[in-house]
N, C-alpha and C. Protein backbone atom coordinates (compact mmCIF):
# COMPACT_ATOMS: atom_id res chain seq x y z
N MET A 1 66.50 76.16 93.05
CA MET A 1 67.75 76.32 92.34
C MET A 1 67.55 77.18 91.09
N ARG A 2 66.49 76.89 90.34
CA ARG A 2 66.24 77.67 89.13
C ARG A 2 65.94 79.12 89.46
N LEU A 3 65.23 79.35 90.58
CA LEU A 3 64.92 80.71 90.99
C LEU A 3 66.20 81.47 91.31
N ARG A 4 67.15 80.82 92.02
CA ARG A 4 68.43 81.47 92.33
C ARG A 4 69.19 81.78 91.06
N THR A 5 69.21 80.84 90.13
CA THR A 5 69.91 81.06 88.86
C THR A 5 69.28 82.23 88.12
N PHE A 6 67.93 82.27 88.09
CA PHE A 6 67.25 83.37 87.43
C PHE A 6 67.57 84.69 88.11
N ALA A 7 67.55 84.72 89.45
CA ALA A 7 67.84 85.95 90.18
C ALA A 7 69.26 86.42 89.91
N ALA A 8 70.21 85.50 89.90
CA ALA A 8 71.60 85.87 89.62
C ALA A 8 71.74 86.39 88.20
N THR A 9 71.07 85.74 87.26
CA THR A 9 71.12 86.18 85.86
C THR A 9 70.47 87.55 85.71
N ALA A 10 69.34 87.75 86.36
CA ALA A 10 68.65 89.04 86.28
C ALA A 10 69.50 90.14 86.90
N SER A 11 70.16 89.84 88.03
CA SER A 11 71.04 90.83 88.66
C SER A 11 72.19 91.19 87.75
N ALA A 12 72.80 90.19 87.15
CA ALA A 12 73.92 90.44 86.23
C ALA A 12 73.46 91.27 85.05
N ALA A 13 72.29 90.96 84.52
CA ALA A 13 71.78 91.72 83.38
C ALA A 13 71.52 93.17 83.77
N ALA A 14 70.99 93.38 84.97
CA ALA A 14 70.73 94.75 85.43
C ALA A 14 72.03 95.53 85.57
N ILE A 15 73.05 94.88 86.10
CA ILE A 15 74.35 95.55 86.25
C ILE A 15 74.92 95.89 84.88
N LEU A 16 74.87 94.94 83.96
CA LEU A 16 75.39 95.19 82.62
C LEU A 16 74.58 96.28 81.93
N ALA A 17 73.28 96.25 82.10
CA ALA A 17 72.44 97.27 81.48
C ALA A 17 72.73 98.64 82.04
N SER A 18 73.00 98.73 83.35
CA SER A 18 73.30 100.04 83.93
C SER A 18 74.60 100.58 83.37
N GLY A 19 75.57 99.70 83.12
CA GLY A 19 76.83 100.14 82.51
C GLY A 19 76.60 100.62 81.09
N ALA A 20 75.77 99.90 80.34
CA ALA A 20 75.46 100.31 78.97
C ALA A 20 74.72 101.64 78.97
N ALA A 21 73.81 101.82 79.92
CA ALA A 21 73.08 103.07 80.01
C ALA A 21 74.02 104.22 80.30
N LEU A 22 75.01 103.99 81.16
CA LEU A 22 75.98 105.04 81.45
C LEU A 22 76.73 105.43 80.19
N ALA A 23 77.14 104.44 79.43
CA ALA A 23 77.89 104.72 78.21
C ALA A 23 77.02 105.51 77.23
N GLN A 24 75.74 105.16 77.15
CA GLN A 24 74.86 105.84 76.21
C GLN A 24 74.54 107.26 76.66
N ASP A 25 74.37 107.47 77.95
CA ASP A 25 73.98 108.78 78.47
C ASP A 25 75.17 109.69 78.70
N ASP A 26 76.37 109.18 78.62
CA ASP A 26 77.57 109.95 78.94
C ASP A 26 77.45 110.60 80.31
N ALA A 27 76.91 109.87 81.26
CA ALA A 27 76.76 110.38 82.62
C ALA A 27 78.13 110.66 83.22
N ALA A 28 78.22 111.73 83.96
CA ALA A 28 79.48 112.08 84.60
C ALA A 28 79.56 111.40 85.96
N PRO A 29 80.73 110.87 86.31
CA PRO A 29 80.86 110.26 87.63
C PRO A 29 80.77 111.31 88.73
N ALA A 30 80.26 110.90 89.89
CA ALA A 30 80.21 111.78 91.05
C ALA A 30 81.55 111.80 91.77
N ALA A 31 82.30 110.69 91.65
CA ALA A 31 83.61 110.57 92.30
C ALA A 31 84.48 109.63 91.48
N THR A 32 85.78 109.69 91.72
CA THR A 32 86.73 108.82 91.03
C THR A 32 87.81 108.39 92.01
N ALA A 33 88.51 107.33 91.65
CA ALA A 33 89.69 106.89 92.39
C ALA A 33 90.70 106.39 91.37
N THR A 34 91.89 106.96 91.38
CA THR A 34 92.97 106.49 90.50
C THR A 34 93.71 105.39 91.24
N LEU A 35 93.73 104.20 90.68
CA LEU A 35 94.38 103.05 91.32
C LEU A 35 95.88 103.07 91.05
N MET A 36 96.66 102.98 92.13
CA MET A 36 98.12 102.93 92.05
C MET A 36 98.60 101.63 92.67
N ASP A 37 99.71 101.09 92.14
CA ASP A 37 100.30 99.93 92.80
C ASP A 37 101.27 100.42 93.88
N GLN A 38 101.87 99.50 94.63
CA GLN A 38 102.71 99.89 95.77
C GLN A 38 103.99 100.61 95.36
N SER A 39 104.36 100.54 94.09
CA SER A 39 105.54 101.28 93.63
C SER A 39 105.16 102.65 93.08
N GLY A 40 103.88 103.01 93.14
CA GLY A 40 103.43 104.32 92.71
C GLY A 40 103.06 104.42 91.24
N VAL A 41 102.94 103.29 90.56
CA VAL A 41 102.56 103.27 89.15
C VAL A 41 101.04 103.20 89.03
N GLU A 42 100.48 104.05 88.18
CA GLU A 42 99.04 104.02 87.95
C GLU A 42 98.66 102.75 87.22
N VAL A 43 97.69 102.01 87.79
CA VAL A 43 97.26 100.74 87.20
C VAL A 43 95.77 100.71 86.87
N GLY A 44 95.06 101.80 87.13
CA GLY A 44 93.64 101.78 86.80
C GLY A 44 92.87 102.96 87.31
N GLN A 45 91.57 102.89 87.07
CA GLN A 45 90.66 103.97 87.43
C GLN A 45 89.33 103.37 87.86
N VAL A 46 88.74 103.95 88.88
CA VAL A 46 87.38 103.59 89.29
C VAL A 46 86.54 104.85 89.20
N ASP A 47 85.52 104.83 88.37
CA ASP A 47 84.57 105.93 88.29
C ASP A 47 83.34 105.52 89.08
N ILE A 48 82.86 106.42 89.92
CA ILE A 48 81.75 106.11 90.83
C ILE A 48 80.56 106.98 90.46
N PHE A 49 79.45 106.32 90.15
CA PHE A 49 78.24 107.00 89.72
C PHE A 49 77.16 106.83 90.77
N GLU A 50 76.40 107.90 91.02
CA GLU A 50 75.23 107.80 91.89
C GLU A 50 74.06 107.27 91.08
N THR A 51 73.36 106.30 91.65
CA THR A 51 72.15 105.77 91.03
C THR A 51 71.01 105.90 92.03
N VAL A 52 69.80 105.62 91.62
CA VAL A 52 68.67 105.69 92.54
C VAL A 52 68.78 104.62 93.63
N ASP A 53 69.57 103.58 93.40
CA ASP A 53 69.70 102.48 94.36
C ASP A 53 71.02 102.46 95.10
N GLY A 54 71.88 103.45 94.93
CA GLY A 54 73.18 103.44 95.60
C GLY A 54 74.27 103.90 94.66
N LEU A 55 75.41 103.22 94.71
CA LEU A 55 76.56 103.60 93.89
C LEU A 55 76.92 102.51 92.89
N LEU A 56 77.33 102.94 91.71
CA LEU A 56 77.85 102.05 90.68
C LEU A 56 79.33 102.37 90.53
N PHE A 57 80.18 101.36 90.73
CA PHE A 57 81.62 101.49 90.58
C PHE A 57 82.01 100.89 89.23
N HIS A 58 82.50 101.72 88.32
CA HIS A 58 82.99 101.23 87.03
C HIS A 58 84.51 101.09 87.17
N VAL A 59 85.00 99.86 87.11
CA VAL A 59 86.40 99.53 87.40
C VAL A 59 87.13 99.16 86.13
N GLU A 60 88.28 99.78 85.91
CA GLU A 60 89.19 99.38 84.84
C GLU A 60 90.59 99.37 85.42
N ALA A 61 91.27 98.22 85.31
CA ALA A 61 92.64 98.09 85.84
C ALA A 61 93.45 97.18 84.94
N THR A 62 94.76 97.34 84.99
CA THR A 62 95.69 96.51 84.21
C THR A 62 96.78 95.99 85.13
N GLY A 63 97.48 94.97 84.65
CA GLY A 63 98.63 94.45 85.39
C GLY A 63 98.28 93.62 86.61
N MET A 64 97.07 93.12 86.68
CA MET A 64 96.64 92.29 87.81
C MET A 64 96.90 90.82 87.50
N PRO A 65 97.22 90.02 88.52
CA PRO A 65 97.35 88.58 88.30
C PRO A 65 96.00 88.00 87.85
N GLU A 66 96.05 87.00 87.00
CA GLU A 66 94.82 86.37 86.53
C GLU A 66 94.03 85.79 87.70
N GLY A 67 92.71 85.97 87.66
CA GLY A 67 91.84 85.40 88.68
C GLY A 67 91.06 86.45 89.44
N GLY A 68 90.44 86.00 90.54
CA GLY A 68 89.60 86.86 91.35
C GLY A 68 90.39 87.71 92.32
N HIS A 69 89.84 88.89 92.60
CA HIS A 69 90.49 89.84 93.51
C HIS A 69 89.43 90.49 94.40
N GLY A 70 89.70 90.51 95.71
CA GLY A 70 88.84 91.25 96.61
C GLY A 70 88.82 92.71 96.20
N PHE A 71 87.65 93.31 96.22
CA PHE A 71 87.45 94.70 95.82
C PHE A 71 86.61 95.35 96.90
N HIS A 72 87.22 96.28 97.65
CA HIS A 72 86.54 96.83 98.82
C HIS A 72 86.72 98.33 98.92
N VAL A 73 85.79 98.97 99.63
CA VAL A 73 85.99 100.34 100.08
C VAL A 73 86.56 100.24 101.48
N HIS A 74 87.70 100.92 101.71
CA HIS A 74 88.34 100.94 103.02
C HIS A 74 88.08 102.27 103.70
N GLN A 75 88.26 102.29 105.03
CA GLN A 75 87.74 103.34 105.88
C GLN A 75 88.44 104.69 105.82
N THR A 76 89.66 104.77 105.30
CA THR A 76 90.40 106.03 105.31
C THR A 76 90.90 106.36 103.90
N GLY A 77 90.77 107.60 103.51
CA GLY A 77 91.20 108.04 102.19
C GLY A 77 92.69 108.32 102.13
N GLU A 78 93.49 107.29 102.31
CA GLU A 78 94.94 107.42 102.23
C GLU A 78 95.52 106.14 101.63
N CYS A 79 96.49 106.31 100.72
CA CYS A 79 97.10 105.18 100.03
C CYS A 79 98.62 105.34 100.06
N SER A 80 99.24 105.05 101.18
CA SER A 80 100.70 105.15 101.24
C SER A 80 101.29 103.81 101.64
N GLY A 81 102.58 103.62 101.31
CA GLY A 81 103.30 102.40 101.66
C GLY A 81 102.64 101.16 101.10
N ASP A 82 102.35 100.22 102.01
CA ASP A 82 101.71 98.96 101.61
C ASP A 82 100.18 99.05 101.63
N PHE A 83 99.68 100.25 101.73
CA PHE A 83 98.25 100.59 101.70
C PHE A 83 97.50 100.24 102.98
N THR A 84 98.20 99.82 104.04
CA THR A 84 97.51 99.62 105.31
C THR A 84 97.03 100.97 105.86
N SER A 85 97.55 102.07 105.32
CA SER A 85 97.11 103.41 105.72
C SER A 85 95.63 103.63 105.40
N ALA A 86 95.07 102.83 104.49
CA ALA A 86 93.65 102.93 104.14
C ALA A 86 92.75 102.31 105.22
N GLY A 87 93.36 101.65 106.20
CA GLY A 87 92.59 101.05 107.28
C GLY A 87 91.85 99.79 106.86
N ASP A 88 90.89 99.43 107.69
CA ASP A 88 90.08 98.23 107.45
C ASP A 88 88.95 98.55 106.47
N HIS A 89 88.15 97.53 106.18
CA HIS A 89 86.97 97.75 105.34
C HIS A 89 86.10 98.82 105.99
N TYR A 90 85.47 99.63 105.17
CA TYR A 90 84.59 100.67 105.65
C TYR A 90 83.37 100.01 106.29
N ALA A 91 83.17 100.25 107.58
CA ALA A 91 82.09 99.58 108.32
C ALA A 91 81.45 100.54 109.33
N PRO A 92 80.78 101.60 108.85
CA PRO A 92 80.20 102.55 109.79
C PRO A 92 79.11 101.96 110.68
N GLY A 93 78.49 100.87 110.26
CA GLY A 93 77.44 100.23 111.05
C GLY A 93 77.96 99.14 111.96
N ASP A 94 79.28 98.96 112.00
CA ASP A 94 79.92 97.93 112.83
C ASP A 94 79.45 96.52 112.52
N ASN A 95 79.00 96.27 111.30
CA ASN A 95 78.65 94.91 110.90
C ASN A 95 79.91 94.08 110.78
N ALA A 96 79.75 92.78 110.80
CA ALA A 96 80.88 91.87 110.63
C ALA A 96 81.23 91.77 109.15
N HIS A 97 82.37 91.15 108.86
CA HIS A 97 82.82 91.00 107.48
C HIS A 97 82.02 89.92 106.75
N GLY A 98 81.88 90.11 105.45
CA GLY A 98 81.40 89.05 104.58
C GLY A 98 80.06 89.30 103.94
N LEU A 99 80.03 89.30 102.62
CA LEU A 99 78.77 89.46 101.90
C LEU A 99 77.78 88.35 102.25
N MET A 100 78.28 87.20 102.70
CA MET A 100 77.40 86.07 103.05
C MET A 100 77.04 86.07 104.54
N ASN A 101 77.42 87.11 105.26
CA ASN A 101 77.12 87.21 106.68
C ASN A 101 75.61 87.43 106.86
N SER A 102 74.97 86.58 107.63
CA SER A 102 73.52 86.67 107.81
C SER A 102 73.09 87.92 108.56
N ASP A 103 74.01 88.55 109.31
CA ASP A 103 73.69 89.78 110.03
C ASP A 103 73.98 91.03 109.21
N GLY A 104 74.44 90.86 108.00
CA GLY A 104 74.77 92.00 107.15
C GLY A 104 76.26 92.24 107.11
N ALA A 105 76.75 92.62 105.96
CA ALA A 105 78.19 92.80 105.73
C ALA A 105 78.63 94.22 106.05
N HIS A 106 79.96 94.42 106.08
CA HIS A 106 80.51 95.77 106.12
C HIS A 106 79.95 96.55 104.93
N ALA A 107 79.78 97.83 105.09
CA ALA A 107 79.33 98.65 103.95
C ALA A 107 80.33 98.58 102.80
N GLY A 108 81.61 98.45 103.12
CA GLY A 108 82.66 98.42 102.10
C GLY A 108 82.90 97.07 101.46
N ASP A 109 82.21 96.03 101.90
CA ASP A 109 82.36 94.70 101.28
C ASP A 109 81.62 94.71 99.94
N LEU A 110 82.37 94.49 98.89
CA LEU A 110 81.81 94.48 97.54
C LEU A 110 82.16 93.17 96.86
N PRO A 111 81.48 92.81 95.79
CA PRO A 111 81.81 91.57 95.07
C PRO A 111 83.23 91.61 94.49
N ASN A 112 83.81 90.43 94.34
CA ASN A 112 85.13 90.30 93.73
C ASN A 112 85.11 90.81 92.29
N VAL A 113 86.28 91.25 91.83
CA VAL A 113 86.48 91.56 90.41
C VAL A 113 87.47 90.53 89.87
N PHE A 114 87.48 90.35 88.56
CA PHE A 114 88.29 89.29 87.96
C PHE A 114 89.17 89.82 86.84
N ALA A 115 90.43 89.36 86.85
CA ALA A 115 91.39 89.70 85.79
C ALA A 115 91.53 88.52 84.86
N GLY A 116 91.55 88.80 83.57
CA GLY A 116 91.79 87.76 82.57
C GLY A 116 93.27 87.44 82.47
N ALA A 117 93.62 86.56 81.56
CA ALA A 117 95.01 86.12 81.37
C ALA A 117 95.94 87.29 81.05
N GLU A 118 95.41 88.35 80.44
CA GLU A 118 96.23 89.51 80.10
C GLU A 118 96.40 90.46 81.28
N GLY A 119 95.72 90.19 82.41
CA GLY A 119 95.84 91.03 83.60
C GLY A 119 94.90 92.21 83.63
N ASN A 120 93.91 92.22 82.74
CA ASN A 120 92.97 93.34 82.68
C ASN A 120 91.70 93.05 83.46
N VAL A 121 91.25 94.06 84.19
CA VAL A 121 89.98 94.01 84.92
C VAL A 121 89.07 95.07 84.32
N ARG A 122 87.86 94.69 84.03
CA ARG A 122 86.83 95.64 83.63
C ARG A 122 85.54 95.13 84.26
N ALA A 123 84.99 95.91 85.17
CA ALA A 123 83.82 95.44 85.91
C ALA A 123 82.94 96.61 86.31
N ASP A 124 81.66 96.33 86.47
CA ASP A 124 80.71 97.25 87.07
C ASP A 124 80.20 96.59 88.34
N VAL A 125 80.37 97.27 89.46
CA VAL A 125 79.99 96.73 90.77
C VAL A 125 79.00 97.71 91.39
N VAL A 126 77.89 97.19 91.91
CA VAL A 126 76.85 98.02 92.51
C VAL A 126 76.81 97.81 94.02
N SER A 127 76.69 98.91 94.76
CA SER A 127 76.45 98.85 96.20
C SER A 127 75.15 99.59 96.49
N THR A 128 74.22 98.91 97.15
CA THR A 128 72.98 99.56 97.55
C THR A 128 73.10 100.16 98.95
N VAL A 129 74.26 100.01 99.58
CA VAL A 129 74.48 100.50 100.95
C VAL A 129 75.23 101.83 100.96
N LEU A 130 76.22 101.97 100.09
CA LEU A 130 77.08 103.16 100.08
C LEU A 130 76.42 104.34 99.37
N SER A 131 76.85 105.54 99.76
CA SER A 131 76.44 106.77 99.09
C SER A 131 77.67 107.66 98.97
N ILE A 132 77.54 108.73 98.20
CA ILE A 132 78.66 109.67 98.08
C ILE A 132 78.82 110.47 99.36
N ASP A 133 77.75 111.17 99.79
CA ASP A 133 77.92 112.04 100.96
C ASP A 133 76.72 112.11 101.89
N GLY A 134 75.76 111.25 101.75
CA GLY A 134 74.61 111.26 102.64
C GLY A 134 74.34 109.88 103.18
N GLY A 135 73.32 109.75 103.98
CA GLY A 135 72.92 108.44 104.48
C GLY A 135 73.84 107.89 105.55
N ASP A 136 73.75 106.59 105.77
CA ASP A 136 74.49 105.93 106.85
C ASP A 136 75.90 105.51 106.47
N ALA A 137 76.23 105.49 105.18
CA ALA A 137 77.55 105.00 104.75
C ALA A 137 78.11 105.85 103.60
N PRO A 138 78.40 107.14 103.89
CA PRO A 138 78.96 107.99 102.84
C PRO A 138 80.45 107.75 102.65
N VAL A 139 80.89 107.59 101.40
CA VAL A 139 82.32 107.38 101.15
C VAL A 139 83.11 108.67 101.32
N MET A 140 82.45 109.83 101.24
CA MET A 140 83.11 111.12 101.40
C MET A 140 82.87 111.65 102.81
N ASP A 141 83.16 110.83 103.82
CA ASP A 141 83.01 111.28 105.20
C ASP A 141 84.25 112.10 105.60
N ASP A 142 84.41 112.41 106.90
CA ASP A 142 85.46 113.31 107.36
C ASP A 142 86.87 112.88 106.98
N ASP A 143 87.17 111.58 107.03
CA ASP A 143 88.53 111.12 106.68
C ASP A 143 88.59 110.44 105.32
N GLY A 144 87.52 110.55 104.54
CA GLY A 144 87.51 109.98 103.20
C GLY A 144 87.49 108.47 103.21
N SER A 145 87.64 107.89 102.04
CA SER A 145 87.64 106.43 101.86
C SER A 145 88.57 106.10 100.70
N ALA A 146 88.96 104.85 100.62
CA ALA A 146 89.83 104.38 99.53
C ALA A 146 89.29 103.08 98.97
N ILE A 147 89.58 102.85 97.70
CA ILE A 147 89.29 101.58 97.04
C ILE A 147 90.56 100.73 97.12
N ILE A 148 90.42 99.47 97.50
CA ILE A 148 91.55 98.53 97.52
C ILE A 148 91.21 97.35 96.62
N VAL A 149 92.18 96.96 95.79
CA VAL A 149 92.11 95.71 95.03
C VAL A 149 93.12 94.77 95.67
N HIS A 150 92.65 93.62 96.14
CA HIS A 150 93.49 92.65 96.84
C HIS A 150 94.06 91.59 95.90
N GLU A 151 95.07 90.91 96.40
CA GLU A 151 95.78 89.86 95.66
C GLU A 151 94.88 88.68 95.31
N ASN A 152 94.03 88.28 96.24
CA ASN A 152 93.19 87.09 96.08
C ASN A 152 91.72 87.47 96.14
N ALA A 153 90.88 86.54 95.76
CA ALA A 153 89.43 86.73 95.87
C ALA A 153 89.02 86.74 97.33
N ASP A 154 88.01 87.52 97.65
CA ASP A 154 87.42 87.54 98.98
C ASP A 154 86.59 86.27 99.13
N SER A 155 86.61 85.68 100.32
CA SER A 155 85.84 84.46 100.57
C SER A 155 84.36 84.74 100.81
N TYR A 156 84.01 85.99 101.07
CA TYR A 156 82.67 86.43 101.42
C TYR A 156 82.24 85.92 102.80
N GLY A 157 83.13 85.23 103.51
CA GLY A 157 82.85 84.73 104.84
C GLY A 157 83.40 85.65 105.91
N ALA A 158 83.45 85.14 107.15
CA ALA A 158 83.90 85.93 108.30
C ALA A 158 85.34 86.38 108.15
N GLU A 159 86.18 85.58 107.54
CA GLU A 159 87.57 85.95 107.28
C GLU A 159 87.72 86.17 105.79
N ALA A 160 88.14 87.36 105.41
CA ALA A 160 88.21 87.71 103.99
C ALA A 160 89.20 86.85 103.23
N GLY A 161 90.42 86.71 103.75
CA GLY A 161 91.44 85.91 103.08
C GLY A 161 91.88 86.46 101.74
N ALA A 162 91.68 87.75 101.51
CA ALA A 162 91.99 88.33 100.21
C ALA A 162 93.47 88.69 100.05
N GLY A 163 94.23 88.65 101.11
CA GLY A 163 95.67 88.82 100.99
C GLY A 163 96.15 90.25 100.79
N THR A 164 97.33 90.34 100.20
CA THR A 164 98.04 91.60 100.00
C THR A 164 97.19 92.62 99.24
N ARG A 165 97.41 93.87 99.57
CA ARG A 165 96.73 94.97 98.89
C ARG A 165 97.55 95.34 97.64
N LEU A 166 97.05 94.99 96.47
CA LEU A 166 97.78 95.22 95.22
C LEU A 166 97.67 96.64 94.70
N ALA A 167 96.49 97.23 94.84
CA ALA A 167 96.26 98.57 94.30
C ALA A 167 95.36 99.35 95.25
N CYS A 168 95.56 100.67 95.25
CA CYS A 168 94.78 101.54 96.14
C CYS A 168 94.49 102.84 95.41
N GLY A 169 93.29 103.37 95.64
CA GLY A 169 92.92 104.67 95.09
C GLY A 169 92.06 105.43 96.07
N VAL A 170 92.45 106.67 96.35
CA VAL A 170 91.67 107.53 97.23
C VAL A 170 90.44 108.01 96.46
N ILE A 171 89.27 107.89 97.07
CA ILE A 171 88.04 108.36 96.43
C ILE A 171 87.99 109.88 96.56
N GLU A 172 87.86 110.53 95.41
CA GLU A 172 87.82 111.99 95.36
C GLU A 172 86.62 112.44 94.55
N THR A 173 86.09 113.61 94.89
CA THR A 173 84.99 114.17 94.12
C THR A 173 85.45 114.38 92.68
N ALA A 174 84.64 113.98 91.73
CA ALA A 174 84.99 114.14 90.31
C ALA A 174 85.01 115.62 89.95
N SER A 175 85.93 115.97 89.07
CA SER A 175 86.01 117.38 88.66
C SER A 175 85.24 117.63 87.39
């Protein structure tokens, strides 16, 4: 139990340190996604940085209900209507859903993000599976990819249960 707690604490510290390092180095993102709600109002931004271990997603959003929200990369770079145009979770390896899946999760399954009482989300999320344009799970593939913020927290199990798609942003190469 103590080892798990230490590992979780060390992982959190590494994620926080990578965010601090980005702020100090003024590193430019490799890609970005502007988050829009279903009425077309901009509600946030995701800056995506390449690291030696994968991608770092720096998330800032407003107007979210308090609590946990599923945060995923979806298979198609389109955000229209109710955002079902973005397709399912990005899963180029055909893995099953869920970060807790013993056979491995979808490439687009990422940890939940959390909104405070004011509706603000600020998070750094790391994926060691995704890449910008190389490897087995590039987010900039032929049909692109999108970031979705869901209504509820993801269960991390076989059924996501994250509910309605609250916000969507097409991943685009940073200018």
